[in-house]
Amino acid sequence: MDRTASYELTLDNWCREFDGAVDEGLCLTSLFHPKITGKPGRILLLERLFEHMRERDDVWFATCRDVAHWWLKEHHHG
């Protein structure tokens, strides 16, 4: 099992990336490959990350389709 960082450091990095993106008004997209996140301990990390994300009330969780529909509604002219 290859690991580049401890679980706590990984969670801290993910939370900081999320917080930084939200604080700057940016959209955060992430890809969690099953080889990396599909391990029991890492799934717990994802749950903790989602808990952290849900603590904010200024975040929109959306699918790509939701974002596309929003963009078309807000920016479609004609």
N, C-alpha and C. Protein backbone atom coordinates (compact mmCIF):
# COMPACT_ATOMS: atom_id res chain seq x y z
N MET A 1 0.84 -1.17 0.00
CA MET A 1 0.00 0.00 0.00
C MET A 1 0.89 1.23 0.00
N ASP A 2 0.78 2.01 -1.04
CA ASP A 2 1.61 3.20 -1.16
C ASP A 2 0.93 4.38 -0.47
N ARG A 3 1.70 5.10 0.35
CA ARG A 3 1.21 6.29 1.02
C ARG A 3 2.27 7.37 0.91
N THR A 4 1.82 8.55 0.61
CA THR A 4 2.76 9.65 0.51
C THR A 4 2.69 10.55 1.73
N ALA A 5 1.61 10.48 2.49
CA ALA A 5 1.46 11.33 3.67
C ALA A 5 0.60 10.59 4.69
N SER A 6 0.74 10.98 5.93
CA SER A 6 -0.08 10.40 6.98
C SER A 6 -1.55 10.75 6.73
N TYR A 7 -2.43 9.99 7.35
CA TYR A 7 -3.85 10.28 7.20
C TYR A 7 -4.19 11.67 7.72
N GLU A 8 -3.65 12.03 8.87
CA GLU A 8 -3.95 13.34 9.44
C GLU A 8 -3.44 14.47 8.55
N LEU A 9 -2.25 14.31 7.99
CA LEU A 9 -1.72 15.32 7.09
C LEU A 9 -2.55 15.40 5.82
N THR A 10 -2.97 14.26 5.32
CA THR A 10 -3.81 14.23 4.13
C THR A 10 -5.12 14.96 4.39
N LEU A 11 -5.77 14.67 5.51
CA LEU A 11 -7.02 15.35 5.85
C LEU A 11 -6.78 16.85 6.01
N ASP A 12 -5.72 17.21 6.67
CA ASP A 12 -5.40 18.63 6.84
C ASP A 12 -5.21 19.31 5.49
N ASN A 13 -4.52 18.67 4.58
CA ASN A 13 -4.32 19.23 3.23
C ASN A 13 -5.64 19.41 2.51
N TRP A 14 -6.49 18.38 2.56
CA TRP A 14 -7.79 18.46 1.89
C TRP A 14 -8.62 19.60 2.47
N CYS A 15 -8.65 19.71 3.80
CA CYS A 15 -9.44 20.77 4.44
C CYS A 15 -8.90 22.14 4.09
N ARG A 16 -7.59 22.29 4.06
CA ARG A 16 -6.99 23.58 3.71
C ARG A 16 -7.29 23.95 2.26
N GLU A 17 -7.24 22.97 1.35
CA GLU A 17 -7.58 23.24 -0.05
C GLU A 17 -9.02 23.71 -0.17
N PHE A 18 -9.91 23.03 0.53
CA PHE A 18 -11.32 23.40 0.51
C PHE A 18 -11.53 24.79 1.10
N ASP A 19 -10.99 25.03 2.28
CA ASP A 19 -11.16 26.33 2.93
C ASP A 19 -10.60 27.46 2.08
N GLY A 20 -9.44 27.24 1.49
CA GLY A 20 -8.83 28.26 0.64
C GLY A 20 -9.68 28.56 -0.57
N ALA A 21 -10.22 27.53 -1.20
CA ALA A 21 -11.07 27.73 -2.38
C ALA A 21 -12.32 28.51 -2.01
N VAL A 22 -12.97 28.12 -0.93
CA VAL A 22 -14.21 28.80 -0.52
C VAL A 22 -13.91 30.24 -0.12
N ASP A 23 -12.86 30.45 0.63
CA ASP A 23 -12.51 31.81 1.06
C ASP A 23 -12.23 32.73 -0.12
N GLU A 24 -11.74 32.17 -1.22
CA GLU A 24 -11.46 32.96 -2.41
C GLU A 24 -12.64 33.01 -3.38
N GLY A 25 -13.75 32.38 -3.01
CA GLY A 25 -14.93 32.36 -3.88
C GLY A 25 -14.78 31.45 -5.07
N LEU A 26 -13.96 30.43 -4.94
CA LEU A 26 -13.69 29.53 -6.05
C LEU A 26 -14.49 28.24 -5.96
N CYS A 27 -14.56 27.56 -7.06
CA CYS A 27 -15.17 26.24 -7.14
C CYS A 27 -14.09 25.20 -6.91
N LEU A 28 -14.33 24.29 -6.01
CA LEU A 28 -13.37 23.22 -5.76
C LEU A 28 -13.90 21.95 -6.39
N THR A 29 -13.13 21.39 -7.27
CA THR A 29 -13.45 20.09 -7.83
C THR A 29 -12.33 19.15 -7.44
N SER A 30 -12.71 17.93 -7.14
CA SER A 30 -11.72 16.94 -6.71
C SER A 30 -12.02 15.61 -7.36
N LEU A 31 -10.99 14.87 -7.59
CA LEU A 31 -11.10 13.51 -8.11
C LEU A 31 -10.45 12.60 -7.08
N PHE A 32 -11.23 11.69 -6.54
CA PHE A 32 -10.73 10.75 -5.56
C PHE A 32 -10.70 9.37 -6.21
N HIS A 33 -9.53 8.96 -6.64
CA HIS A 33 -9.36 7.69 -7.32
C HIS A 33 -9.54 6.55 -6.32
N PRO A 34 -10.27 5.49 -6.70
CA PRO A 34 -10.49 4.37 -5.78
C PRO A 34 -9.20 3.75 -5.24
N LYS A 35 -8.13 3.75 -6.04
CA LYS A 35 -6.87 3.18 -5.56
C LYS A 35 -6.34 3.97 -4.37
N ILE A 36 -6.61 5.27 -4.34
CA ILE A 36 -6.11 6.12 -3.27
C ILE A 36 -7.10 6.18 -2.11
N THR A 37 -8.38 6.39 -2.41
CA THR A 37 -9.35 6.61 -1.35
C THR A 37 -10.20 5.40 -1.01
N GLY A 38 -10.05 4.32 -1.73
CA GLY A 38 -10.89 3.15 -1.53
C GLY A 38 -10.43 2.21 -0.43
N LYS A 39 -9.58 2.67 0.43
CA LYS A 39 -9.10 1.88 1.57
C LYS A 39 -9.92 2.25 2.80
N PRO A 40 -10.14 1.33 3.73
CA PRO A 40 -10.99 1.63 4.89
C PRO A 40 -10.59 2.90 5.65
N GLY A 41 -9.33 3.10 5.93
CA GLY A 41 -8.91 4.30 6.65
C GLY A 41 -9.10 5.56 5.86
N ARG A 42 -8.94 5.47 4.57
CA ARG A 42 -9.09 6.67 3.73
C ARG A 42 -10.55 7.03 3.53
N ILE A 43 -11.42 6.03 3.53
CA ILE A 43 -12.85 6.33 3.44
C ILE A 43 -13.28 7.12 4.67
N LEU A 44 -12.73 6.77 5.82
CA LEU A 44 -13.02 7.54 7.04
C LEU A 44 -12.53 8.98 6.89
N LEU A 45 -11.40 9.17 6.22
CA LEU A 45 -10.91 10.53 5.96
C LEU A 45 -11.90 11.31 5.11
N LEU A 46 -12.44 10.67 4.08
CA LEU A 46 -13.43 11.35 3.24
C LEU A 46 -14.65 11.76 4.05
N GLU A 47 -15.10 10.87 4.93
CA GLU A 47 -16.24 11.21 5.78
C GLU A 47 -15.92 12.42 6.64
N ARG A 48 -14.73 12.49 7.18
CA ARG A 48 -14.33 13.63 8.01
C ARG A 48 -14.22 14.90 7.16
N LEU A 49 -13.71 14.77 5.93
CA LEU A 49 -13.65 15.92 5.03
C LEU A 49 -15.06 16.44 4.74
N PHE A 50 -15.99 15.55 4.45
CA PHE A 50 -17.36 15.98 4.16
C PHE A 50 -18.00 16.64 5.38
N GLU A 51 -17.72 16.13 6.56
CA GLU A 51 -18.21 16.77 7.78
C GLU A 51 -17.67 18.19 7.88
N HIS A 52 -16.39 18.34 7.60
CA HIS A 52 -15.76 19.67 7.62
C HIS A 52 -16.44 20.59 6.60
N MET A 53 -16.70 20.09 5.42
CA MET A 53 -17.32 20.90 4.37
C MET A 53 -18.73 21.33 4.77
N ARG A 54 -19.48 20.42 5.40
CA ARG A 54 -20.86 20.72 5.77
C ARG A 54 -20.96 21.72 6.92
N GLU A 55 -19.86 21.98 7.62
CA GLU A 55 -19.89 22.96 8.71
C GLU A 55 -20.13 24.38 8.21
N ARG A 56 -19.86 24.62 6.95
CA ARG A 56 -20.05 25.95 6.38
C ARG A 56 -21.44 26.03 5.76
N ASP A 57 -22.05 27.20 5.87
CA ASP A 57 -23.37 27.37 5.25
C ASP A 57 -23.29 28.14 3.93
N ASP A 58 -22.08 28.41 3.47
CA ASP A 58 -21.91 29.15 2.22
C ASP A 58 -21.36 28.27 1.10
N VAL A 59 -21.67 26.98 1.17
CA VAL A 59 -21.14 26.02 0.20
C VAL A 59 -22.30 25.33 -0.50
N TRP A 60 -22.17 25.19 -1.80
CA TRP A 60 -23.16 24.51 -2.61
C TRP A 60 -22.55 23.20 -3.09
N PHE A 61 -23.15 22.08 -2.71
CA PHE A 61 -22.73 20.77 -3.21
C PHE A 61 -23.57 20.49 -4.44
N ALA A 62 -22.91 20.27 -5.56
CA ALA A 62 -23.65 20.14 -6.82
C ALA A 62 -22.98 19.12 -7.73
N THR A 63 -23.79 18.54 -8.60
CA THR A 63 -23.25 17.69 -9.65
C THR A 63 -22.81 18.59 -10.81
N CYS A 64 -22.09 18.02 -11.73
CA CYS A 64 -21.69 18.79 -12.93
C CYS A 64 -22.93 19.26 -13.67
N ARG A 65 -23.95 18.43 -13.73
CA ARG A 65 -25.21 18.80 -14.40
C ARG A 65 -25.85 20.01 -13.70
N ASP A 66 -25.85 20.00 -12.36
CA ASP A 66 -26.41 21.13 -11.61
C ASP A 66 -25.67 22.42 -11.95
N VAL A 67 -24.36 22.35 -12.01
CA VAL A 67 -23.55 23.53 -12.32
C VAL A 67 -23.83 24.01 -13.74
N ALA A 68 -23.92 23.08 -14.68
CA ALA A 68 -24.20 23.46 -16.07
C ALA A 68 -25.57 24.13 -16.19
N HIS A 69 -26.58 23.59 -15.52
CA HIS A 69 -27.91 24.21 -15.56
C HIS A 69 -27.89 25.59 -14.93
N TRP A 70 -27.19 25.74 -13.82
CA TRP A 70 -27.07 27.05 -13.17
C TRP A 70 -26.40 28.04 -14.12
N TRP A 71 -25.30 27.62 -14.75
CA TRP A 71 -24.56 28.52 -15.62
C TRP A 71 -25.43 28.96 -16.80
N LEU A 72 -26.14 28.01 -17.42
CA LEU A 72 -27.01 28.36 -18.53
C LEU A 72 -28.09 29.34 -18.10
N LYS A 73 -28.66 29.12 -16.93
CA LYS A 73 -29.70 30.03 -16.42
C LYS A 73 -29.15 31.43 -16.16
N GLU A 74 -27.97 31.51 -15.60
CA GLU A 74 -27.37 32.80 -15.22
C GLU A 74 -26.69 33.52 -16.37
N HIS A 75 -26.18 32.80 -17.36
CA HIS A 75 -25.32 33.42 -18.37
C HIS A 75 -25.80 33.24 -19.80
N HIS A 76 -26.87 32.52 -20.01
CA HIS A 76 -27.37 32.30 -21.37
C HIS A 76 -28.08 33.56 -21.85
N HIS A 77 -27.63 34.09 -22.95
CA HIS A 77 -28.23 35.31 -23.50
C HIS A 77 -28.71 35.02 -24.93
N GLY A 78 -29.98 34.81 -25.08
CA GLY A 78 -30.51 34.69 -26.42
C GLY A 78 -31.03 33.37 -26.75
